Amino acid sequence: MKIKAIVFGATGMVGEGVLHVSLNHPDVESVLVVGRKSCGVSHPKLLEIIHGDFFNYTPIETQLAACDACYFCLGVSSIGMNEKDYTRITHDLTMQAAKTLSRLNPAMTFCYVSGMGTDSTEKGRSMWARVKGKTENDLQKLPFKGVYLFRPGFIRPIRGLKNAFALASVLGALYPLWKTLLPKYVCTLEDLGRAMVIVTQKGNQSRVLECLDITRLGAS
């Protein structure tokens, strides 16, 4: 199966890594990046659309409908944000994109980068975890071919990419130690990208993928 993927969030560390893996994967035929500014990448497989309104995709629906997978890596930190604003960016913005895509192409696979500790009950004390949990729950109600929820902990960045957080790069040097001592809490960005390709092609029994699942799929 050759994949035509959409990547959201390609100017962030996770999205840039998923884009890098997708562009270099032999089973990915093309990648459409949708962003407010250029991701700064040039590649024969890449088509980039600069789009200013993430709550209205009407002008680009034709391009979106032609794809069969969406790798949604767009997100912000909850630090310093109130719940209303964080919900608008994390839940509402994600759902607007997902609802549009499920309407245009229900045969699409939607991969969402959530986070370890996400609260599926939506009732816990942690604001970010509740909002992420609601986002996950609402995504699973949409009529996609498949929705897969990725919950990484620490992610080792890909060497040489420009958007890796400085701290992640420093800690990434210790990744072999973390993987040995804390395998449930760490994965690599390469494994995350490859796991998205795998679930697009073959599916996965569990719709929620923790670090161990990401590492297992990424190595397959």
Protein backbone atom coordinates (compact mmCIF):
# COMPACT_ATOMS: atom_id res chain seq x y z
CA MET A 1 0.00 0.00 0.00
CA LYS A 2 1.42 3.35 -1.06
CA ILE A 3 0.43 6.17 1.27
CA LYS A 4 -0.52 9.76 0.51
CA ALA A 5 -0.12 11.45 3.87
CA ILE A 6 -1.02 14.82 5.36
CA VAL A 7 1.21 16.17 8.13
CA PHE A 8 0.04 18.91 10.49
CA GLY A 9 2.61 20.52 12.80
CA ALA A 10 5.69 20.11 10.61
CA THR A 11 7.35 23.19 12.11
CA GLY A 12 7.51 21.53 15.55
CA MET A 13 9.90 18.86 16.75
CA VAL A 14 7.48 15.93 16.50
CA GLY A 15 5.90 16.99 13.22
CA GLU A 16 9.26 17.68 11.63
CA GLY A 17 10.43 14.21 12.62
CA VAL A 18 7.29 12.51 11.33
CA LEU A 19 7.65 14.45 8.09
CA HIS A 20 11.29 13.38 7.79
CA VAL A 21 10.41 9.70 8.31
CA SER A 22 7.48 9.89 5.90
CA LEU A 23 9.50 11.50 3.12
CA ASN A 24 12.20 8.85 3.44
CA HIS A 25 9.86 5.87 3.75
CA PRO A 26 9.55 3.79 0.55
CA ASP A 27 5.84 3.15 1.12
CA VAL A 28 4.94 6.83 1.37
CA GLU A 29 4.16 8.12 -2.12
CA SER A 30 3.59 11.77 -1.24
CA VAL A 31 3.30 14.10 1.74
CA LEU A 32 1.08 17.18 1.97
CA VAL A 33 2.14 19.61 4.71
CA VAL A 34 -0.48 22.08 5.92
CA GLY A 35 0.84 24.94 8.02
CA ARG A 36 0.68 28.65 8.73
CA LYS A 37 4.30 29.06 7.64
CA SER A 38 6.74 27.06 5.56
CA CYS A 39 8.39 24.04 7.15
CA GLY A 40 11.55 24.89 5.21
CA VAL A 41 11.90 21.42 3.66
CA SER A 42 12.35 20.66 -0.03
CA HIS A 43 11.73 17.14 -1.34
CA PRO A 44 10.29 15.59 -4.52
CA LYS A 45 7.52 13.91 -2.51
CA LEU A 46 6.51 17.07 -0.66
CA LEU A 47 3.68 19.47 -1.41
CA GLU A 48 3.23 22.34 1.02
CA ILE A 49 0.15 24.49 1.52
CA ILE A 50 0.38 27.68 3.58
CA HIS A 51 -3.02 28.00 5.18
CA GLY A 52 -3.93 30.71 7.66
CA ASP A 53 -7.27 29.57 9.09
CA PHE A 54 -7.22 26.20 10.83
CA PHE A 55 -10.94 26.46 11.50
CA ASN A 56 -11.87 26.65 7.81
CA TYR A 57 -10.44 24.29 5.18
CA THR A 58 -12.88 25.06 2.38
CA PRO A 59 -10.23 26.54 0.01
CA ILE A 60 -8.02 23.42 0.18
CA GLU A 61 -10.57 20.61 0.44
CA THR A 62 -9.69 19.15 -2.96
CA GLN A 63 -6.06 18.61 -1.94
CA LEU A 64 -7.04 17.18 1.45
CA ALA A 65 -9.51 14.69 0.00
CA ALA A 66 -6.83 13.10 -2.18
CA CYS A 67 -4.89 11.80 0.85
CA ASP A 68 -5.46 8.56 2.73
CA ALA A 69 -3.67 9.27 6.02
CA CYS A 70 -3.32 12.22 8.38
CA TYR A 71 -0.47 12.49 10.88
CA PHE A 72 -1.63 15.19 13.26
CA CYS A 73 1.35 16.43 15.28
CA LEU A 74 0.16 19.97 15.98
CA GLY A 75 0.03 21.02 19.62
CA VAL A 76 1.09 23.49 22.29
CA SER A 77 2.26 23.31 25.87
CA SER A 78 -0.39 23.95 28.51
CA ILE A 79 2.08 25.91 30.65
CA GLY A 80 0.70 29.37 31.34
CA MET A 81 -2.58 28.71 29.52
CA ASN A 82 -6.08 28.65 30.96
CA GLU A 83 -8.39 25.74 30.16
CA LYS A 84 -10.55 27.67 27.71
CA ASP A 85 -7.64 28.74 25.52
CA TYR A 86 -5.90 25.38 25.76
CA THR A 87 -9.13 23.60 24.79
CA ARG A 88 -9.60 25.82 21.75
CA ILE A 89 -6.11 25.06 20.42
CA THR A 90 -5.84 21.44 21.51
CA HIS A 91 -9.38 20.10 21.14
CA ASP A 92 -11.36 22.47 18.92
CA LEU A 93 -8.66 23.04 16.31
CA THR A 94 -7.89 19.32 16.09
CA MET A 95 -11.56 18.39 15.78
CA GLN A 96 -12.16 20.95 13.04
CA ALA A 97 -9.44 19.37 10.94
CA ALA A 98 -10.56 15.83 11.76
CA LYS A 99 -14.23 16.48 11.04
CA THR A 100 -13.33 18.02 7.69
CA LEU A 101 -11.11 15.08 6.74
CA SER A 102 -13.60 12.42 7.83
CA ARG A 103 -16.27 14.10 5.72
CA LEU A 104 -14.01 14.37 2.68
CA ASN A 105 -12.57 10.86 2.91
CA PRO A 106 -13.92 8.37 5.50
CA ALA A 107 -11.40 5.80 4.23
CA MET A 108 -8.60 7.89 5.75
CA THR A 109 -6.51 6.80 8.75
CA PHE A 110 -6.04 9.52 11.39
CA CYS A 111 -3.02 9.41 13.71
CA TYR A 112 -3.06 11.83 16.63
CA VAL A 113 -0.08 12.62 18.85
CA SER A 114 -1.47 12.93 22.35
CA GLY A 115 0.80 12.24 25.32
CA MET A 116 1.59 9.87 28.15
CA GLY A 117 -0.78 10.44 31.04
CA THR A 118 -3.74 11.50 28.91
CA ASP A 119 -6.96 11.17 30.93
CA SER A 120 -9.59 9.21 29.02
CA THR A 121 -12.13 9.75 31.81
CA GLU A 122 -11.92 13.54 31.29
CA LYS A 123 -12.38 13.94 35.06
CA GLY A 124 -8.88 14.04 36.51
CA ARG A 125 -7.14 16.95 38.19
CA SER A 126 -4.70 17.64 35.37
CA MET A 127 -6.17 20.17 32.93
CA TRP A 128 -4.03 19.20 29.94
CA ALA A 129 -4.73 15.49 30.46
CA ARG A 130 -8.49 16.07 30.59
CA VAL A 131 -8.46 18.14 27.40
CA LYS A 132 -6.28 15.60 25.60
CA GLY A 133 -8.58 12.85 26.82
CA LYS A 134 -11.64 14.61 25.46
CA THR A 135 -9.86 15.12 22.15
CA GLU A 136 -8.99 11.43 21.94
CA ASN A 137 -12.53 10.40 22.83
CA ASP A 138 -14.13 12.70 20.29
CA LEU A 139 -11.75 11.66 17.52
CA GLN A 140 -12.79 8.04 18.00
CA LYS A 141 -16.41 8.96 17.30
CA LEU A 142 -15.61 10.13 13.76
CA PRO A 143 -16.18 7.81 10.77
CA PHE A 144 -12.55 7.26 9.80
CA LYS A 145 -11.20 3.92 8.60
CA GLY A 146 -9.05 4.05 11.72
CA VAL A 147 -8.09 6.47 14.50
CA TYR A 148 -4.84 5.80 16.37
CA LEU A 149 -3.85 7.71 19.47
CA PHE A 150 -0.12 7.98 20.13
CA ARG A 151 0.92 8.63 23.73
CA PRO A 152 4.68 9.08 23.80
CA GLY A 153 6.59 10.09 26.92
CA PHE A 154 10.11 11.32 26.30
CA ILE A 155 10.91 11.30 22.58
CA ARG A 156 14.51 11.13 21.40
CA PRO A 157 14.76 13.63 18.53
CA ILE A 158 16.28 12.86 15.14
CA ARG A 159 19.86 14.00 14.84
CA GLY A 160 20.34 16.88 12.42
CA LEU A 161 16.77 18.20 12.38
CA LYS A 162 16.39 21.85 13.31
CA ASN A 163 13.31 21.91 15.55
CA ALA A 164 14.48 19.59 18.33
CA PHE A 165 14.19 21.16 21.77
CA ALA A 166 17.61 21.80 23.30
CA LEU A 167 16.77 19.78 26.41
CA ALA A 168 15.48 16.87 24.31
CA SER A 169 18.71 16.86 22.34
CA VAL A 170 20.80 16.77 25.51
CA LEU A 171 18.72 14.05 27.13
CA GLY A 172 18.62 12.16 23.86
CA ALA A 173 22.30 11.35 24.30
CA LEU A 174 21.29 9.29 27.33
CA TYR A 175 18.53 7.46 25.45
CA PRO A 176 20.19 3.99 25.65
CA LEU A 177 20.17 4.34 29.44
CA TRP A 178 16.55 5.53 29.56
CA LYS A 179 15.48 2.69 27.27
CA THR A 180 17.12 0.13 29.53
CA LEU A 181 15.85 1.55 32.83
CA LEU A 182 12.53 3.11 31.77
CA PRO A 183 11.33 1.45 28.53
CA LYS A 184 7.68 2.31 29.24
CA TYR A 185 8.43 6.02 29.19
CA VAL A 186 10.67 6.61 26.17
CA CYS A 187 10.68 6.15 22.41
CA THR A 188 12.44 7.62 19.40
CA LEU A 189 11.02 10.01 16.85
CA GLU A 190 12.01 7.57 14.11
CA ASP A 191 9.92 4.85 15.77
CA LEU A 192 6.97 7.22 16.12
CA GLY A 193 7.00 8.07 12.43
CA ARG A 194 7.43 4.46 11.34
CA ALA A 195 4.65 3.33 13.66
CA MET A 196 2.27 5.78 11.99
CA VAL A 197 3.10 4.31 8.59
CA ILE A 198 2.59 0.77 9.91
CA VAL A 199 -0.87 1.44 11.40
CA THR A 200 -1.87 3.19 8.17
CA GLN A 201 -0.94 0.10 6.19
CA LYS A 202 -1.90 -2.72 8.54
CA GLY A 203 -3.96 -1.26 11.37
CA ASN A 204 -3.39 -2.24 15.00
CA GLN A 205 -5.51 -4.09 17.54
CA SER A 206 -5.22 -1.33 20.11
CA ARG A 207 -6.16 2.21 19.11
CA VAL A 208 -4.08 3.67 21.96
CA LEU A 209 -0.34 3.30 21.51
CA GLU A 210 1.99 3.85 24.45
CA CYS A 211 5.79 3.99 24.25
CA LEU A 212 6.25 0.20 24.21
CA ASP A 213 3.74 -0.11 21.37
CA ILE A 214 5.43 2.68 19.41
CA THR A 215 8.86 1.07 19.84
CA ARG A 216 7.53 -2.37 18.83
CA LEU A 217 5.81 -1.08 15.70
CA GLY A 218 8.71 1.17 14.80
CA ALA A 219 11.05 -1.81 14.81
CA SER A 220 8.77 -4.04 12.72
